[in-house]
């Protein structure tokens, strides 16, 4: 009994998470029975379709294409966020100048950005641009917060030592701000994945690979089992990213 109690105390969150996942599948099972419609396929039928899809090379092209676009979007967002974040972190004038742009990007509806970009760019590039526009503010603000929240005593000590602004920025301030910058980037991964898939769905094109495009194609062809199966793949990928975020946060808290 004591061992069970200790096991529960050490693993209660994990156990409840697993129970929560089982509950979701149970609800899905009940709803599919009540609906008795191909629109909500049975979980077993969906998993059969999932295994069929996992045996097809096109599925991996879809996954790889989405991850590649996500990587490109995140890389560009990181570079822009670092450059403009550092400039804003050391200059209140630059920070004030960029504030309207950053606030606009944070508040404009995602669907509006997607529809506008689809109208003026190619379908395969629109999801990348959307990801950049939505992730850039997160990384930018993480950099600015990291640089502007450095202990004032450290800043005063740097001035007393006579270090020039450029040297103190790259040798002291950026290293001190790096944990917050890293967390900002890691947190943007999950959002980036969701935004990327949503952008691909709205963009919709039969000739382009991507999980979102595959979902849109399945929906248009009334292939509901495939649509649910691709959704499970997307959930799995986002879940893996969320786990990575959790582990990264835990690591930074320890350090």
Protein backbone atom coordinates (compact mmCIF):
# COMPACT_ATOMS: atom_id res chain seq x y z
CA UNK A 1 0.00 0.00 0.00
CA UNK A 2 2.84 2.35 0.88
CA UNK A 3 4.54 1.65 -2.47
CA UNK A 4 1.32 2.48 -4.32
CA UNK A 5 1.02 5.75 -2.39
CA UNK A 6 4.61 6.72 -3.19
CA UNK A 7 4.12 5.79 -6.85
CA UNK A 8 0.96 7.94 -7.00
CA UNK A 9 2.68 10.91 -5.37
CA UNK A 10 5.56 10.72 -7.85
CA UNK A 11 3.48 10.08 -10.97
CA UNK A 12 -0.02 11.46 -10.28
CA UNK A 13 0.18 14.14 -13.01
CA UNK A 14 1.34 11.64 -15.63
CA UNK A 15 -1.36 9.16 -14.60
CA UNK A 16 -4.10 11.80 -14.77
CA UNK A 17 -2.82 12.92 -18.18
CA UNK A 18 -3.07 9.34 -19.48
CA UNK A 19 -6.55 9.02 -17.97
CA UNK A 20 -7.50 12.30 -19.68
CA UNK A 21 -6.31 10.96 -23.05
CA UNK A 22 -8.29 7.74 -22.55
CA UNK A 23 -11.35 9.82 -21.64
CA UNK A 24 -11.04 11.80 -24.91
CA UNK A 25 -10.98 8.58 -26.94
CA UNK A 26 -13.93 7.25 -24.91
CA UNK A 27 -15.92 10.40 -25.72
CA UNK A 28 -14.98 10.05 -29.38
CA UNK A 29 -16.17 6.41 -29.30
CA UNK A 30 -19.53 7.36 -27.71
CA UNK A 31 -20.11 10.31 -30.06
CA UNK A 32 -19.34 8.16 -33.12
CA UNK A 33 -21.90 5.57 -31.94
CA UNK A 34 -24.57 8.20 -31.25
CA UNK A 35 -23.94 10.08 -34.51
CA UNK A 36 -23.76 6.87 -36.55
CA UNK A 37 -22.45 8.95 -39.45
CA UNK A 38 -19.36 8.76 -41.69
CA UNK A 39 -18.68 12.39 -40.72
CA UNK A 40 -17.52 11.16 -37.29
CA UNK A 41 -15.74 7.86 -38.00
CA UNK A 42 -15.23 5.20 -35.33
CA UNK A 43 -11.83 5.46 -33.56
CA UNK A 44 -10.86 1.93 -34.63
CA UNK A 45 -11.63 2.71 -38.29
CA UNK A 46 -9.64 5.93 -37.99
CA UNK A 47 -6.61 4.13 -36.58
CA UNK A 48 -6.80 1.56 -39.37
CA UNK A 49 -6.74 4.41 -41.87
CA UNK A 50 -3.89 6.01 -39.93
CA UNK A 51 -1.75 2.87 -40.23
CA UNK A 52 -2.52 2.73 -43.96
CA UNK A 53 -1.42 6.36 -44.35
CA UNK A 54 1.75 5.69 -42.36
CA UNK A 55 2.59 3.02 -44.93
CA UNK A 56 2.42 5.52 -47.79
CA UNK A 57 5.38 7.71 -48.75
CA UNK A 58 3.10 10.68 -49.54
CA UNK A 59 2.26 10.93 -45.83
CA UNK A 60 5.90 11.52 -44.98
CA UNK A 61 6.19 14.07 -47.79
CA UNK A 62 3.24 15.91 -46.20
CA UNK A 63 4.85 15.78 -42.73
CA UNK A 64 8.29 16.72 -44.04
CA UNK A 65 6.98 19.63 -46.12
CA UNK A 66 5.10 21.10 -43.16
CA UNK A 67 8.12 20.71 -40.86
CA UNK A 68 10.41 22.25 -43.51
CA UNK A 69 8.14 25.29 -43.89
CA UNK A 70 7.96 25.55 -40.11
CA UNK A 71 11.76 25.43 -39.84
CA UNK A 72 12.19 28.14 -42.49
CA UNK A 73 9.55 30.35 -40.86
CA UNK A 74 11.02 29.92 -37.38
CA UNK A 75 14.58 30.52 -38.58
CA UNK A 76 13.65 33.80 -40.29
CA UNK A 77 11.53 34.82 -37.27
CA UNK A 78 14.46 34.09 -34.96
CA UNK A 79 16.89 36.16 -37.04
CA UNK A 80 14.50 39.11 -37.32
CA UNK A 81 13.51 38.84 -33.66
CA UNK A 82 17.14 38.83 -32.54
CA UNK A 83 18.19 41.74 -34.76
CA UNK A 84 15.29 44.06 -33.98
CA UNK A 85 15.00 42.81 -30.39
CA UNK A 86 18.63 43.67 -29.66
CA UNK A 87 18.24 47.09 -31.29
CA UNK A 88 15.12 47.76 -29.21
CA UNK A 89 16.74 46.37 -26.09
CA UNK A 90 19.54 48.94 -26.22
CA UNK A 91 17.56 51.85 -27.66
CA UNK A 92 14.26 53.11 -26.27
CA UNK A 93 13.77 55.13 -29.47
CA UNK A 94 13.90 52.01 -31.66
CA UNK A 95 11.60 50.26 -29.18
CA UNK A 96 9.05 53.09 -29.41
CA UNK A 97 9.32 53.12 -33.21
CA UNK A 98 8.66 49.36 -33.53
CA UNK A 99 5.94 49.19 -30.87
CA UNK A 100 3.01 50.00 -33.25
CA UNK A 101 4.19 47.32 -35.71
CA UNK A 102 4.59 44.66 -33.02
CA UNK A 103 1.22 45.49 -31.43
CA UNK A 104 -0.45 45.32 -34.86
CA UNK A 105 1.08 41.91 -35.62
CA UNK A 106 -0.02 40.60 -32.22
CA UNK A 107 -3.62 41.81 -32.54
CA UNK A 108 -4.50 41.34 -36.22
CA UNK A 109 -6.67 38.20 -36.74
CA UNK A 110 -4.68 35.24 -38.03
CA UNK A 111 -7.29 34.42 -40.67
CA UNK A 112 -7.04 37.96 -42.04
CA UNK A 113 -3.27 37.66 -42.42
CA UNK A 114 -3.64 34.30 -44.18
CA UNK A 115 -6.28 35.52 -46.63
CA UNK A 116 -4.31 38.67 -47.46
CA UNK A 117 -1.09 36.75 -48.06
CA UNK A 118 -2.84 34.10 -50.16
CA UNK A 119 -4.09 36.91 -52.39
CA UNK A 120 -0.66 38.43 -52.97
CA UNK A 121 1.74 35.45 -52.78
CA UNK A 122 2.02 31.86 -54.02
CA UNK A 123 0.10 29.20 -52.07
CA UNK A 124 3.22 27.29 -50.98
CA UNK A 125 4.85 30.42 -49.53
CA UNK A 126 1.84 31.95 -47.74
CA UNK A 127 2.06 29.62 -44.67
CA UNK A 128 5.74 30.55 -44.21
CA UNK A 129 4.98 34.28 -44.33
CA UNK A 130 2.08 33.86 -41.89
CA UNK A 131 4.30 31.95 -39.45
CA UNK A 132 6.98 34.66 -39.64
CA UNK A 133 4.49 37.47 -39.00
CA UNK A 134 2.95 35.69 -36.00
CA UNK A 135 6.12 34.27 -34.41
CA UNK A 136 8.36 37.33 -34.89
CA UNK A 137 6.58 39.39 -32.15
CA UNK A 138 7.01 36.56 -29.62
CA UNK A 139 10.75 36.23 -30.17
CA UNK A 140 11.19 40.00 -30.45
CA UNK A 141 9.48 40.61 -27.10
CA UNK A 142 11.43 37.78 -25.45
CA UNK A 143 14.70 39.43 -26.56
CA UNK A 144 13.58 42.90 -25.47
CA UNK A 145 12.34 41.62 -22.09
CA UNK A 146 15.56 39.70 -21.52
CA UNK A 147 17.73 42.75 -22.20
CA UNK A 148 15.62 45.35 -20.39
CA UNK A 149 15.12 43.25 -17.24
CA UNK A 150 18.81 42.78 -16.46
CA UNK A 151 19.64 43.78 -12.88
CA UNK A 152 20.47 47.49 -12.77
CA UNK A 153 23.46 46.84 -10.49
CA UNK A 154 25.05 44.80 -13.28
CA UNK A 155 24.48 47.63 -15.77
CA UNK A 156 25.99 50.12 -13.30
CA UNK A 157 29.01 47.85 -12.77
CA UNK A 158 29.60 47.69 -16.52
CA UNK A 159 29.60 51.49 -16.70
CA UNK A 160 32.04 51.73 -13.80
CA UNK A 161 34.36 49.21 -15.47
CA UNK A 162 34.38 51.43 -18.55
CA UNK A 163 33.22 48.73 -20.98
CA UNK A 164 31.79 50.15 -24.18
CA UNK A 165 28.16 49.43 -25.04
CA UNK A 166 28.98 47.02 -27.87
CA UNK A 167 31.34 44.92 -25.76
CA UNK A 168 29.06 44.77 -22.71
CA UNK A 169 26.09 43.89 -24.92
CA UNK A 170 27.60 40.78 -26.49
CA UNK A 171 29.81 39.65 -23.60
CA UNK A 172 27.44 40.24 -20.68
CA UNK A 173 23.89 41.36 -21.49
CA UNK A 174 22.97 38.89 -24.26
CA UNK A 175 24.36 35.88 -22.30
CA UNK A 176 22.32 37.01 -19.27
CA UNK A 177 19.21 37.39 -21.42
CA UNK A 178 19.73 34.09 -23.26
CA UNK A 179 17.50 31.92 -20.97
CA UNK A 180 14.50 34.16 -21.66
CA UNK A 181 15.33 34.30 -25.38
CA UNK A 182 15.59 30.50 -25.56
CA UNK A 183 12.28 30.07 -23.73
CA UNK A 184 10.61 32.55 -26.08
CA UNK A 185 11.86 30.61 -29.09
CA UNK A 186 10.86 27.21 -27.68
CA UNK A 187 7.38 28.48 -26.77
CA UNK A 188 6.94 29.73 -30.33
CA UNK A 189 7.46 26.20 -31.70
CA UNK A 190 4.04 24.90 -30.63
CA UNK A 191 2.22 28.00 -31.84
CA UNK A 192 4.23 27.94 -35.07
CA UNK A 193 3.16 24.36 -35.81
CA UNK A 194 -0.52 25.14 -35.23
CA UNK A 195 -0.36 28.32 -37.32
CA UNK A 196 1.48 26.52 -40.12
CA UNK A 197 -1.12 23.74 -40.39
CA UNK A 198 -4.01 26.21 -40.19
CA UNK A 199 -2.40 28.35 -42.91
CA UNK A 200 -1.98 25.32 -45.15
CA UNK A 201 -5.63 24.33 -44.63
CA UNK A 202 -6.92 27.79 -45.54
CA UNK A 203 -4.47 28.11 -48.45
CA UNK A 204 -5.65 24.77 -49.84
CA UNK A 205 -3.90 23.44 -52.95
CA UNK A 206 -4.02 19.93 -54.39
CA UNK A 207 -0.58 20.06 -55.98
CA UNK A 208 1.41 20.95 -52.84
CA UNK A 209 2.57 18.70 -50.00
CA UNK A 210 1.78 19.57 -46.38
CA UNK A 211 -0.37 18.26 -43.51
CA UNK A 212 -2.77 21.17 -43.82
CA UNK A 213 -3.07 20.69 -47.57
CA UNK A 214 -3.70 16.95 -47.01
CA UNK A 215 -6.44 17.76 -44.48
CA UNK A 216 -8.07 20.19 -46.90
CA UNK A 217 -7.88 17.63 -49.73
CA UNK A 218 -9.46 14.91 -47.55
CA UNK A 219 -12.25 17.30 -46.54
CA UNK A 220 -12.98 18.30 -50.14
CA UNK A 221 -13.05 14.64 -51.25
CA UNK A 222 -15.31 13.71 -48.29
CA UNK A 223 -12.68 11.30 -46.91
CA UNK A 224 -13.49 11.72 -43.23
CA UNK A 225 -11.40 8.80 -41.98
CA UNK A 226 -8.34 10.26 -43.72
CA UNK A 227 -9.18 13.70 -42.34
CA UNK A 228 -9.33 12.38 -38.76
CA UNK A 229 -6.15 10.32 -39.32
CA UNK A 230 -4.19 13.36 -40.54
CA UNK A 231 -5.55 15.28 -37.56
CA UNK A 232 -4.14 12.61 -35.24
CA UNK A 233 -0.74 12.99 -36.92
CA UNK A 234 -0.90 16.76 -36.44
CA UNK A 235 -1.91 16.34 -32.78
CA UNK A 236 1.00 13.94 -32.25
CA UNK A 237 3.51 16.39 -33.74
CA UNK A 238 2.17 19.32 -31.70
CA UNK A 239 2.17 17.08 -28.61
CA UNK A 240 5.84 16.21 -29.16
CA UNK A 241 6.65 19.91 -29.45
CA UNK A 242 4.70 20.67 -26.25
CA UNK A 243 6.62 17.93 -24.42
CA UNK A 244 9.88 19.45 -25.68
CA UNK A 245 8.72 22.86 -24.39
CA UNK A 246 7.88 21.38 -20.98
CA UNK A 247 11.25 19.62 -20.69
CA UNK A 248 13.09 22.76 -21.81
CA UNK A 249 11.29 24.90 -19.22
CA UNK A 250 12.13 22.33 -16.56
CA UNK A 251 15.78 22.35 -17.62
CA UNK A 252 16.04 26.15 -17.51
CA UNK A 253 14.40 26.28 -14.09
CA UNK A 254 17.06 23.91 -12.75
CA UNK A 255 19.87 25.95 -14.27
